[in-house]
Amino acid sequence: MKNDIRSLDLNLLKALDALLDEGSVTRAAQRLSLTQPAVSGMLTRLRDYFDDPLFVRAQRGMVPTARACELAAPVKQILTDISVLLQPVDFDPLSARMTCSIMATDYALKAVIVPLMSALKKRAPGIRVAVHPLDNTRLLSLLERGEIDLALVTPESTPEDLHGRALYEEEYVCMMRDSHPILLSGSMTLDTFCEQEHILVSSGGGFWGVTDEALAKLGRKRHVGMSVNSFLVLPEILRTTDMIAVVPRRLACQHDNLTIVPPPLAVPGFTKSMAWHERNHRDPAHQWIRALCAEVSQPGSL
């Protein structure tokens, strides 16, 4: 290995990082806005510098060698530190011009992103927000590569390699239309609750959720007549039918002509949190945005 730092080009480390992420010279070249021959030449220089093949051909692209895998984390950290070094120390929200990419479910869109945007337009009008659907299978890799800056998740779904911070504790309530027959009776017993036709929000389209788990512990079950993969359609269905739904309180509080009542059994809530990668951990702009997310998530903040 030619371990004289004077002979190592920083661009070679950027190329190595892209090759490790993409597993392909072609895709790495596209990411770096370079030609494929240029990246192939950089790979040749990297192999010479580290005295290792670094990548070997496989059926689907290239496979990193053990040495390349050892270099992956240090190289990414070096590039992150250099990026932080080149950024201004001070951050002025009013004059900031940047885009922040956030992963969120439609629930988090309403509960966190809506109040965040309200605050951003007043305090940092030049900051744009790009919201992406939450994809737990690619969460870590997208944050590592800087394609996503922040993810609104739960502590249970946050990979260990990420930084995290709890935003608030959420509880479940029962929601139905204002003129629902249950409301005319004055109260909702467990028997009445189980007899109703329920709507369940399930990303996988199933008919079983945390409410059903709580009922099963009591030896009871409910009738779930509909499963949807988004909260967005839920209010309209509840307004036009006698169906009911058990939903997070922050979602229920944002709809007219619907009534909220406590469920007749204890349904465990959840913690909403945010997660981010080390590459943005010390960045003043991202620190400010994360602090604002925490601020607007508190009750009565807006």
C-alpha atoms as a PDB file:
ATOM      1  CA  MET A   1       0.000   0.000   0.000  1.00  0.00           C
ATOM      2  CA  LYS A   2       1.299   3.449  -0.943  1.00  0.00           C
ATOM      3  CA  ASN A   3       0.460   5.098   2.362  1.00  0.00           C
ATOM      4  CA  ASP A   4       1.781   8.584   1.577  1.00  0.00           C
ATOM      5  CA  ILE A   5      -1.230  10.874   1.927  1.00  0.00           C
ATOM      6  CA  ARG A   6       0.319  13.308  -0.556  1.00  0.00           C
ATOM      7  CA  SER A   7      -0.297  10.788  -3.323  1.00  0.00           C
ATOM      8  CA  LEU A   8      -3.973  10.241  -2.494  1.00  0.00           C
ATOM      9  CA  ASP A   9      -6.501  12.299  -4.453  1.00  0.00           C
ATOM     10  CA  LEU A  10      -9.667  13.183  -2.516  1.00  0.00           C
ATOM     11  CA  ASN A  11     -11.671  12.507  -5.667  1.00  0.00           C
ATOM     12  CA  LEU A  12     -10.513   8.895  -5.474  1.00  0.00           C
ATOM     13  CA  LEU A  13     -12.146   8.558  -2.061  1.00  0.00           C
ATOM     14  CA  LYS A  14     -15.368  10.005  -3.479  1.00  0.00           C
ATOM     15  CA  ALA A  15     -15.199   7.461  -6.286  1.00  0.00           C
ATOM     16  CA  LEU A  16     -14.557   4.616  -3.833  1.00  0.00           C
ATOM     17  CA  ASP A  17     -17.543   5.711  -1.725  1.00  0.00           C
ATOM     18  CA  ALA A  18     -19.780   5.778  -4.811  1.00  0.00           C
ATOM     19  CA  LEU A  19     -18.540   2.379  -5.990  1.00  0.00           C
ATOM     20  CA  LEU A  20     -19.177   0.852  -2.571  1.00  0.00           C
ATOM     21  CA  ASP A  21     -22.706   2.270  -2.493  1.00  0.00           C
ATOM     22  CA  GLU A  22     -23.639   1.470  -6.087  1.00  0.00           C
ATOM     23  CA  GLY A  23     -21.766  -1.791  -6.736  1.00  0.00           C
ATOM     24  CA  SER A  24     -21.420  -0.736 -10.364  1.00  0.00           C
ATOM     25  CA  VAL A  25     -18.983   1.430 -12.332  1.00  0.00           C
ATOM     26  CA  THR A  26     -21.823   2.650 -14.548  1.00  0.00           C
ATOM     27  CA  ARG A  27     -24.080   3.739 -11.663  1.00  0.00           C
ATOM     28  CA  ALA A  28     -21.135   5.250  -9.777  1.00  0.00           C
ATOM     29  CA  ALA A  29     -20.244   7.277 -12.875  1.00  0.00           C
ATOM     30  CA  GLN A  30     -23.818   8.551 -13.144  1.00  0.00           C
ATOM     31  CA  ARG A  31     -23.826   9.532  -9.467  1.00  0.00           C
ATOM     32  CA  LEU A  32     -20.504  11.383  -9.819  1.00  0.00           C
ATOM     33  CA  SER A  33     -21.481  12.968 -13.162  1.00  0.00           C
ATOM     34  CA  LEU A  34     -18.423  11.379 -14.768  1.00  0.00           C
ATOM     35  CA  THR A  35     -17.898   9.051 -17.713  1.00  0.00           C
ATOM     36  CA  GLN A  36     -17.616   5.310 -17.194  1.00  0.00           C
ATOM     37  CA  PRO A  37     -14.002   5.219 -18.488  1.00  0.00           C
ATOM     38  CA  ALA A  38     -13.069   7.973 -16.025  1.00  0.00           C
ATOM     39  CA  VAL A  39     -14.421   5.994 -13.078  1.00  0.00           C
ATOM     40  CA  SER A  40     -12.764   2.812 -14.349  1.00  0.00           C
ATOM     41  CA  GLY A  41      -9.472   4.698 -14.407  1.00  0.00           C
ATOM     42  CA  MET A  42     -10.056   5.910 -10.843  1.00  0.00           C
ATOM     43  CA  LEU A  43     -10.735   2.341  -9.747  1.00  0.00           C
ATOM     44  CA  THR A  44      -7.424   1.283 -11.288  1.00  0.00           C
ATOM     45  CA  ARG A  45      -5.614   3.987  -9.302  1.00  0.00           C
ATOM     46  CA  LEU A  46      -7.431   2.952  -6.119  1.00  0.00           C
ATOM     47  CA  ARG A  47      -6.390  -0.652  -6.620  1.00  0.00           C
ATOM     48  CA  ASP A  48      -2.803   0.470  -7.055  1.00  0.00           C
ATOM     49  CA  TYR A  49      -2.914   2.726  -4.007  1.00  0.00           C
ATOM     50  CA  PHE A  50      -4.428   0.144  -1.651  1.00  0.00           C
ATOM     51  CA  ASP A  51      -2.681  -2.806  -3.304  1.00  0.00           C
ATOM     52  CA  ASP A  52      -5.966  -4.715  -3.424  1.00  0.00           C
ATOM     53  CA  PRO A  53      -8.518  -5.556  -6.170  1.00  0.00           C
ATOM     54  CA  LEU A  54     -11.201  -3.833  -4.015  1.00  0.00           C
ATOM     55  CA  PHE A  55     -13.971  -5.218  -6.281  1.00  0.00           C
ATOM     56  CA  VAL A  56     -14.360  -8.504  -8.132  1.00  0.00           C
ATOM     57  CA  ARG A  57     -16.876  -9.334 -10.834  1.00  0.00           C
ATOM     58  CA  ALA A  58     -19.997 -11.264  -9.875  1.00  0.00           C
ATOM     59  CA  GLN A  59     -23.200 -12.332 -11.601  1.00  0.00           C
ATOM     60  CA  ARG A  60     -24.926  -9.086 -10.640  1.00  0.00           C
ATOM     61  CA  GLY A  61     -22.368  -6.321 -10.772  1.00  0.00           C
ATOM     62  CA  MET A  62     -19.291  -6.096  -8.570  1.00  0.00           C
ATOM     63  CA  VAL A  63     -18.658  -7.519  -5.117  1.00  0.00           C
ATOM     64  CA  PRO A  64     -16.360  -5.629  -2.695  1.00  0.00           C
ATOM     65  CA  THR A  65     -13.375  -7.463  -1.261  1.00  0.00           C
ATOM     66  CA  ALA A  66     -12.793  -7.738   2.478  1.00  0.00           C
ATOM     67  CA  ARG A  67     -10.374  -4.788   2.268  1.00  0.00           C
ATOM     68  CA  ALA A  68     -12.972  -2.646   0.495  1.00  0.00           C
ATOM     69  CA  CYS A  69     -15.539  -3.460   3.183  1.00  0.00           C
ATOM     70  CA  GLU A  70     -13.036  -2.386   5.848  1.00  0.00           C
ATOM     71  CA  LEU A  71     -12.568   0.943   4.069  1.00  0.00           C
ATOM     72  CA  ALA A  72     -16.295   1.700   3.632  1.00  0.00           C
ATOM     73  CA  ALA A  73     -17.046   3.284   7.013  1.00  0.00           C
ATOM     74  CA  PRO A  74     -13.742   5.251   7.391  1.00  0.00           C
ATOM     75  CA  VAL A  75     -14.015   6.657   3.863  1.00  0.00           C
ATOM     76  CA  LYS A  76     -17.612   7.783   4.389  1.00  0.00           C
ATOM     77  CA  GLN A  77     -16.650   9.414   7.691  1.00  0.00           C
ATOM     78  CA  ILE A  78     -13.716  11.246   6.081  1.00  0.00           C
ATOM     79  CA  LEU A  79     -15.953  12.628   3.337  1.00  0.00           C
ATOM     80  CA  THR A  80     -18.554  13.668   5.901  1.00  0.00           C
ATOM     81  CA  ASP A  81     -15.959  15.452   8.043  1.00  0.00           C
ATOM     82  CA  ILE A  82     -14.606  17.295   5.005  1.00  0.00           C
ATOM     83  CA  SER A  83     -18.131  18.328   4.019  1.00  0.00           C
ATOM     84  CA  VAL A  84     -18.723  19.737   7.509  1.00  0.00           C
ATOM     85  CA  LEU A  85     -15.326  21.473   7.405  1.00  0.00           C
ATOM     86  CA  LEU A  86     -16.221  23.315   4.200  1.00  0.00           C
ATOM     87  CA  GLN A  87     -19.608  24.518   5.434  1.00  0.00           C
ATOM     88  CA  PRO A  88     -20.094  27.890   7.134  1.00  0.00           C
ATOM     89  CA  VAL A  89     -19.904  27.741  10.926  1.00  0.00           C
ATOM     90  CA  ASP A  90     -22.850  30.068  11.425  1.00  0.00           C
ATOM     91  CA  PHE A  91     -26.364  29.279  10.257  1.00  0.00           C
ATOM     92  CA  ASP A  92     -28.883  32.025   9.558  1.00  0.00           C
ATOM     93  CA  PRO A  93     -32.392  30.571   9.028  1.00  0.00           C
ATOM     94  CA  LEU A  94     -33.721  33.730   7.374  1.00  0.00           C
ATOM     95  CA  SER A  95     -31.078  33.707   4.631  1.00  0.00           C
ATOM     96  CA  ALA A  96     -30.651  29.926   4.331  1.00  0.00           C
ATOM     97  CA  ARG A  97     -31.176  28.340   0.905  1.00  0.00           C
ATOM     98  CA  MET A  98     -31.298  24.550   1.039  1.00  0.00           C
ATOM     99  CA  THR A  99     -33.479  21.489   0.568  1.00  0.00           C
ATOM    100  CA  CYS A 100     -34.199  19.076   3.405  1.00  0.00           C
ATOM    101  CA  SER A 101     -35.384  15.596   2.421  1.00  0.00           C
ATOM    102  CA  ILE A 102     -37.597  13.859   4.977  1.00  0.00           C
ATOM    103  CA  MET A 103     -39.065  10.349   5.032  1.00  0.00           C
ATOM    104  CA  ALA A 104     -42.527  10.173   6.601  1.00  0.00           C
ATOM    105  CA  THR A 105     -45.770   8.226   6.652  1.00  0.00           C
ATOM    106  CA  ASP A 106     -49.001  10.041   5.829  1.00  0.00           C
ATOM    107  CA  TYR A 107     -49.695  10.119   9.581  1.00  0.00           C
ATOM    108  CA  ALA A 108     -46.370  11.884  10.220  1.00  0.00           C
ATOM    109  CA  LEU A 109     -47.163  14.256   7.370  1.00  0.00           C
ATOM    110  CA  LYS A 110     -50.178  15.548   9.266  1.00  0.00           C
ATOM    111  CA  ALA A 111     -48.765  15.287  12.773  1.00  0.00           C
ATOM    112  CA  VAL A 112     -45.274  16.718  12.186  1.00  0.00           C
ATOM    113  CA  ILE A 113     -44.690  18.001   8.648  1.00  0.00           C
ATOM    114  CA  VAL A 114     -47.754  20.291   8.580  1.00  0.00           C
ATOM    115  CA  PRO A 115     -46.758  22.226  11.733  1.00  0.00           C
ATOM    116  CA  LEU A 116     -43.099  22.140  10.633  1.00  0.00           C
ATOM    117  CA  MET A 117     -43.916  23.831   7.323  1.00  0.00           C
ATOM    118  CA  SER A 118     -45.997  26.460   9.076  1.00  0.00           C
ATOM    119  CA  ALA A 119     -43.016  27.340  11.257  1.00  0.00           C
ATOM    120  CA  LEU A 120     -40.484  27.131   8.407  1.00  0.00           C
ATOM    121  CA  LYS A 121     -42.342  29.594   6.199  1.00  0.00           C
ATOM    122  CA  LYS A 122     -42.125  32.155   9.017  1.00  0.00           C
ATOM    123  CA  ARG A 123     -38.580  31.522  10.229  1.00  0.00           C
ATOM    124  CA  ALA A 124     -36.706  30.078   7.242  1.00  0.00           C
ATOM    125  CA  PRO A 125     -38.634  30.802   4.029  1.00  0.00           C
ATOM    126  CA  GLY A 126     -35.707  29.719   1.823  1.00  0.00           C
ATOM    127  CA  ILE A 127     -35.637  26.149   3.101  1.00  0.00           C
ATOM    128  CA  ARG A 128     -37.446  23.674   0.868  1.00  0.00           C
ATOM    129  CA  VAL A 129     -38.739  20.335   2.132  1.00  0.00           C
ATOM    130  CA  ALA A 130     -38.952  17.205  -0.021  1.00  0.00           C
ATOM    131  CA  VAL A 131     -41.103  14.502   1.596  1.00  0.00           C
ATOM    132  CA  HIS A 132     -40.591  10.864   0.621  1.00  0.00           C
ATOM    133  CA  PRO A 133     -42.656   7.786   1.606  1.00  0.00           C
ATOM    134  CA  LEU A 134     -41.171   5.878   4.517  1.00  0.00           C
ATOM    135  CA  ASP A 135     -39.257   2.805   3.343  1.00  0.00           C
ATOM    136  CA  ASN A 136     -37.800   0.921   6.307  1.00  0.00           C
ATOM    137  CA  THR A 137     -35.922  -1.502   4.047  1.00  0.00           C
ATOM    138  CA  ARG A 138     -33.852   1.313   2.496  1.00  0.00           C
ATOM    139  CA  LEU A 139     -33.886   3.785   5.384  1.00  0.00           C
ATOM    140  CA  LEU A 140     -30.300   3.262   6.540  1.00  0.00           C
ATOM    141  CA  SER A 141     -28.758   3.216   3.064  1.00  0.00           C
ATOM    142  CA  LEU A 142     -30.594   6.354   1.938  1.00  0.00           C
ATOM    143  CA  LEU A 143     -29.514   8.251   5.054  1.00  0.00           C
ATOM    144  CA  GLU A 144     -25.940   7.003   4.662  1.00  0.00           C
ATOM    145  CA  ARG A 145     -25.813   8.257   1.095  1.00  0.00           C
ATOM    146  CA  GLY A 146     -27.355  11.626   1.944  1.00  0.00           C
ATOM    147  CA  GLU A 147     -30.388  11.094  -0.272  1.00  0.00           C
ATOM    148  CA  ILE A 148     -32.542  11.476   2.857  1.00  0.00           C
ATOM    149  CA  ASP A 149     -31.686  13.881   5.684  1.00  0.00           C
ATOM    150  CA  LEU A 150     -34.269  12.951   8.297  1.00  0.00           C
ATOM    151  CA  ALA A 151     -36.771  10.167   8.925  1.00  0.00           C
ATOM    152  CA  LEU A 152     -39.896  10.325  11.096  1.00  0.00           C
ATOM    153  CA  VAL A 153     -40.099   6.850  12.589  1.00  0.00           C
ATOM    154  CA  THR A 154     -40.521   5.003  15.894  1.00  0.00           C
ATOM    155  CA  PRO A 155     -37.652   3.941  18.173  1.00  0.00           C
ATOM    156  CA  GLU A 156     -38.404   0.281  17.450  1.00  0.00           C
ATOM    157  CA  SER A 157     -37.889   0.753  13.702  1.00  0.00           C
ATOM    158  CA  THR A 158     -34.726   2.866  13.966  1.00  0.00           C
ATOM    159  CA  PRO A 159     -31.483   1.085  12.974  1.00  0.00           C
ATOM    160  CA  GLU A 160     -28.836   1.068  15.702  1.00  0.00           C
ATOM    161  CA  ASP A 161     -26.335   2.948  13.517  1.00  0.00           C
ATOM    162  CA  LEU A 162     -28.512   6.073  13.419  1.00  0.00           C
ATOM    163  CA  HIS A 163     -28.980   8.957  15.811  1.00  0.00           C
ATOM    164  CA  GLY A 164     -32.489   9.335  17.199  1.00  0.00           C
ATOM    165  CA  ARG A 165     -34.660  11.615  19.315  1.00  0.00           C
ATOM    166  CA  ALA A 166     -38.179  11.112  20.639  1.00  0.00           C
ATOM    167  CA  LEU A 167     -40.676  13.773  19.603  1.00  0.00           C
ATOM    168  CA  TYR A 168     -43.807  12.842  21.558  1.00  0.00           C
ATOM    169  CA  GLU A 169     -45.927  10.021  22.952  1.00  0.00           C
ATOM    170  CA  GLU A 170     -49.036   9.196  20.964  1.00  0.00           C
ATOM    171  CA  GLU A 171     -52.238   7.569  22.209  1.00  0.00           C
ATOM    172  CA  TYR A 172     -55.169   5.969  20.398  1.00  0.00           C
ATOM    173  CA  VAL A 173     -58.757   7.226  20.405  1.00  0.00           C
ATOM    174  CA  CYS A 174     -61.947   6.033  18.776  1.00  0.00           C
ATOM    175  CA  MET A 175     -63.341   8.223  15.987  1.00  0.00           C
ATOM    176  CA  MET A 176     -66.778   8.252  14.345  1.00  0.00           C
ATOM    177  CA  ARG A 177     -69.225  10.657  12.728  1.00  0.00           C
ATOM    178  CA  ASP A 178     -70.997  13.220  14.916  1.00  0.00           C
ATOM    179  CA  SER A 179     -74.428  11.604  14.481  1.00  0.00           C
ATOM    180  CA  HIS A 180     -73.313   8.025  15.049  1.00  0.00           C
ATOM    181  CA  PRO A 181     -75.903   5.874  16.920  1.00  0.00           C
ATOM    182  CA  ILE A 182     -73.318   5.028  19.588  1.00  0.00           C
ATOM    183  CA  LEU A 183     -73.239   8.681  20.667  1.00  0.00           C
ATOM    184  CA  LEU A 184     -77.015   8.700  21.116  1.00  0.00           C
ATOM    185  CA  SER A 185     -76.753   5.872  23.640  1.00  0.00           C
ATOM    186  CA  GLY A 186     -74.521   7.966  25.866  1.00  0.00           C
ATOM    187  CA  SER A 187     -71.593   5.553  26.293  1.00  0.00           C
ATOM    188  CA  MET A 188     -69.656   2.870  24.482  1.00  0.00           C
ATOM    189  CA  THR A 189     -69.177  -0.440  26.257  1.00  0.00           C
ATOM    190  CA  LEU A 190     -66.713  -3.101  25.206  1.00  0.00           C
ATOM    191  CA  ASP A 191     -69.601  -5.176  23.838  1.00  0.00           C
ATOM    192  CA  THR A 192     -70.822  -2.257  21.737  1.00  0.00           C
ATOM    193  CA  PHE A 193     -67.299  -1.553  20.554  1.00  0.00           C
ATOM    194  CA  CYS A 194     -66.804  -5.138  19.364  1.00  0.00           C
ATOM    195  CA  GLU A 195     -70.168  -5.190  17.604  1.00  0.00           C
ATOM    196  CA  GLN A 196     -69.344  -2.179  15.415  1.00  0.00           C
ATOM    197  CA  GLU A 197     -67.845  -2.388  11.956  1.00  0.00           C
ATOM    198  CA  HIS A 198     -64.299  -1.016  12.082  1.00  0.00           C
ATOM    199  CA  ILE A 199     -61.883   0.494   9.583  1.00  0.00           C
ATOM    200  CA  LEU A 200     -58.251  -0.461  10.081  1.00  0.00           C
ATOM    201  CA  VAL A 201     -55.302   1.446   8.646  1.00  0.00           C
ATOM    202  CA  SER A 202     -52.702  -1.142   7.675  1.00  0.00           C
ATOM    203  CA  SER A 203     -49.741  -0.602   5.362  1.00  0.00           C
ATOM    204  CA  GLY A 204     -49.836  -4.267   4.407  1.00  0.00           C
ATOM    205  CA  GLY A 205     -53.584  -4.433   3.826  1.00  0.00           C
ATOM    206  CA  GLY A 206     -54.203  -6.778   6.755  1.00  0.00           C
ATOM    207  CA  PHE A 207     -57.137  -6.929   9.154  1.00  0.00           C
ATOM    208  CA  TRP A 208     -55.180  -7.169  12.418  1.00  0.00           C
ATOM    209  CA  GLY A 209     -53.580  -4.363  14.435  1.00  0.00           C
ATOM    210  CA  VAL A 210     -52.663  -3.199  17.944  1.00  0.00           C
ATOM    211  CA  THR A 211     -56.354  -2.916  18.883  1.00  0.00           C
ATOM    212  CA  ASP A 212     -56.933  -6.549  17.937  1.00  0.00           C
ATOM    213  CA  GLU A 213     -53.913  -7.584  20.007  1.00  0.00           C
ATOM    214  CA  ALA A 214     -55.347  -5.737  23.015  1.00  0.00           C
ATOM    215  CA  LEU A 215     -58.751  -7.378  22.481  1.00  0.00           C
ATOM    216  CA  ALA A 216     -57.208 -10.838  22.140  1.00  0.00           C
ATOM    217  CA  LYS A 217     -55.644 -10.479  25.590  1.00  0.00           C
ATOM    218  CA  LEU A 218     -59.195 -10.027  26.912  1.00  0.00           C
ATOM    219  CA  GLY A 219     -60.488 -12.970  24.924  1.00  0.00           C
ATOM    220  CA  ARG A 220     -62.451 -10.668  22.619  1.00  0.00           C
ATOM    221  CA  LYS A 221     -62.384  -9.687  18.953  1.00  0.00           C
ATOM    222  CA  ARG A 222     -63.929  -7.020  16.762  1.00  0.00           C
ATOM    223  CA  HIS A 223     -65.336  -6.924  13.232  1.00  0.00           C
ATOM    224  CA  VAL A 224     -62.960  -5.165  10.813  1.00  0.00           C
ATOM    225  CA  GLY A 225     -64.933  -4.501   7.654  1.00  0.00           C
ATOM    226  CA  MET A 226     -62.336  -2.501   5.757  1.00  0.00           C
ATOM    227  CA  SER A 227     -58.555  -2.191   5.594  1.00  0.00           C
ATOM    228  CA  VAL A 228     -56.880   0.848   3.983  1.00  0.00           C
ATOM    229  CA  ASN A 229     -53.205   1.683   3.588  1.00  0.00           C
ATOM    230  CA  SER A 230     -53.575   5.415   4.221  1.00  0.00           C
ATOM    231  CA  PHE A 231     -55.138   7.662   6.819  1.00  0.00           C
ATOM    232  CA  LEU A 232     -56.081  10.204   4.158  1.00  0.00           C
ATOM    233  CA  VAL A 233     -59.319   8.495   3.043  1.00  0.00           C
ATOM    234  CA  LEU A 234     -60.408   7.549   6.554  1.00  0.00           C
ATOM    235  CA  PRO A 235     -62.352  10.733   7.525  1.00  0.00           C
ATOM    236  CA  GLU A 236     -64.531  10.666   4.413  1.00  0.00           C
ATOM    237  CA  ILE A 237     -65.512   7.039   4.980  1.00  0.00           C
ATOM    238  CA  LEU A 238     -66.335   7.694   8.636  1.00  0.00           C
ATOM    239  CA  ARG A 239     -68.467  10.725   7.741  1.00  0.00           C
ATOM    240  CA  THR A 240     -70.628   8.747   5.304  1.00  0.00           C
ATOM    241  CA  THR A 241     -71.006   5.411   7.147  1.00  0.00           C
ATOM    242  CA  ASP A 242     -71.621   3.993  10.625  1.00  0.00           C
ATOM    243  CA  MET A 243     -68.119   2.537  10.681  1.00  0.00           C
ATOM    244  CA  ILE A 244     -65.711   3.523  13.461  1.00  0.00           C
ATOM    245  CA  ALA A 245     -61.923   3.583  13.681  1.00  0.00           C
ATOM    246  CA  VAL A 246     -59.255   3.525  16.349  1.00  0.00           C
ATOM    247  CA  VAL A 247     -56.685   6.127  15.319  1.00  0.00           C
ATOM    248  CA  PRO A 248     -53.831   8.206  16.789  1.00  0.00           C
ATOM    249  CA  ARG A 249     -55.181  11.221  18.673  1.00  0.00           C
ATOM    250  CA  ARG A 250     -53.138  13.750  16.662  1.00  0.00           C
ATOM    251  CA  LEU A 251     -54.765  12.548  13.494  1.00  0.00           C
ATOM    252  CA  ALA A 252     -58.271  12.564  14.938  1.00  0.00           C
ATOM    253  CA  CYS A 253     -57.998  16.115  16.263  1.00  0.00           C
ATOM    254  CA  GLN A 254     -57.624  17.579  12.785  1.00  0.00           C
ATOM    255  CA  HIS A 255     -61.030  16.690  11.314  1.00  0.00           C
ATOM    256  CA  ASP A 256     -64.443  18.398  11.468  1.00  0.00           C
ATOM    257  CA  ASN A 257     -67.793  16.630  11.805  1.00  0.00           C
ATOM    258  CA  LEU A 258     -66.164  13.700  13.553  1.00  0.00           C
ATOM    259  CA  THR A 259     -66.314  12.855  17.250  1.00  0.00           C
ATOM    260  CA  ILE A 260     -63.567  11.427  19.407  1.00  0.00           C
ATOM    261  CA  VAL A 261     -64.305   9.099  22.328  1.00  0.00           C
ATOM    262  CA  PRO A 262     -61.942   6.996  24.423  1.00  0.00           C
ATOM    263  CA  PRO A 263     -61.875   3.303  23.479  1.00  0.00           C
ATOM    264  CA  PRO A 264     -63.434   0.987  26.105  1.00  0.00           C
ATOM    265  CA  LEU A 265     -60.115  -0.830  26.560  1.00  0.00           C
ATOM    266  CA  ALA A 266     -56.465   0.106  26.894  1.00  0.00           C
ATOM    267  CA  VAL A 267     -54.769   0.218  23.482  1.00  0.00           C
ATOM    268  CA  PRO A 268     -50.973   0.719  23.746  1.00  0.00           C
ATOM    269  CA  GLY A 269     -49.778   3.914  22.091  1.00  0.00           C
ATOM    270  CA  PHE A 270     -46.421   4.592  20.468  1.00  0.00           C
ATOM    271  CA  THR A 271     -43.507   7.002  20.462  1.00  0.00           C
ATOM    272  CA  LYS A 272     -42.988   9.144  17.379  1.00  0.00           C
ATOM    273  CA  SER A 273     -39.320   9.944  16.881  1.00  0.00           C
ATOM    274  CA  MET A 274     -36.880  11.195  14.284  1.00  0.00           C
ATOM    275  CA  ALA A 275     -33.701   9.532  13.048  1.00  0.00           C
ATOM    276  CA  TRP A 276     -30.695  10.837  11.160  1.00  0.00           C
ATOM    277  CA  HIS A 277     -27.217   9.771  10.099  1.00  0.00           C
ATOM    278  CA  GLU A 278     -23.862  10.798  11.535  1.00  0.00           C
ATOM    279  CA  ARG A 279     -23.100  12.695   8.315  1.00  0.00           C
ATOM    280  CA  ASN A 280     -25.674  15.374   9.304  1.00  0.00           C
ATOM    281  CA  HIS A 281     -25.288  15.082  13.055  1.00  0.00           C
ATOM    282  CA  ARG A 282     -23.080  18.169  13.517  1.00  0.00           C
ATOM    283  CA  ASP A 283     -24.355  20.220  10.598  1.00  0.00           C
ATOM    284  CA  PRO A 284     -25.739  23.545  11.981  1.00  0.00           C
ATOM    285  CA  ALA A 285     -28.576  23.727   9.444  1.00  0.00           C
ATOM    286  CA  HIS A 286     -29.764  20.195  10.110  1.00  0.00           C
ATOM    287  CA  GLN A 287     -29.393  20.677  13.866  1.00  0.00           C
ATOM    288  CA  TRP A 288     -31.666  23.714  13.588  1.00  0.00           C
ATOM    289  CA  ILE A 289     -34.269  21.825  11.530  1.00  0.00           C
ATOM    290  CA  ARG A 290     -34.275  18.909  13.979  1.00  0.00           C
ATOM    291  CA  ALA A 291     -34.720  21.296  16.898  1.00  0.00           C
ATOM    292  CA  LEU A 292     -37.652  22.924  15.086  1.00  0.00           C
ATOM    293  CA  CYS A 293     -39.245  19.507  14.487  1.00  0.00           C
ATOM    294  CA  ALA A 294     -39.036  18.830  18.216  1.00  0.00           C
ATOM    295  CA  GLU A 295     -40.470  22.262  19.023  1.00  0.00           C
ATOM    296  CA  VAL A 296     -43.505  22.071  16.741  1.00  0.00           C
ATOM    297  CA  SER A 297     -44.282  18.540  17.950  1.00  0.00           C
ATOM    298  CA  GLN A 298     -45.035  19.743  21.456  1.00  0.00           C
ATOM    299  CA  PRO A 299     -48.726  20.284  22.391  1.00  0.00           C
ATOM    300  CA  GLY A 300     -49.878  23.857  21.817  1.00  0.00           C
ATOM    301  CA  SER A 301     -46.679  24.845  20.021  1.00  0.00           C
ATOM    302  CA  LEU A 302     -48.481  26.638  17.204  1.00  0.00           C
END
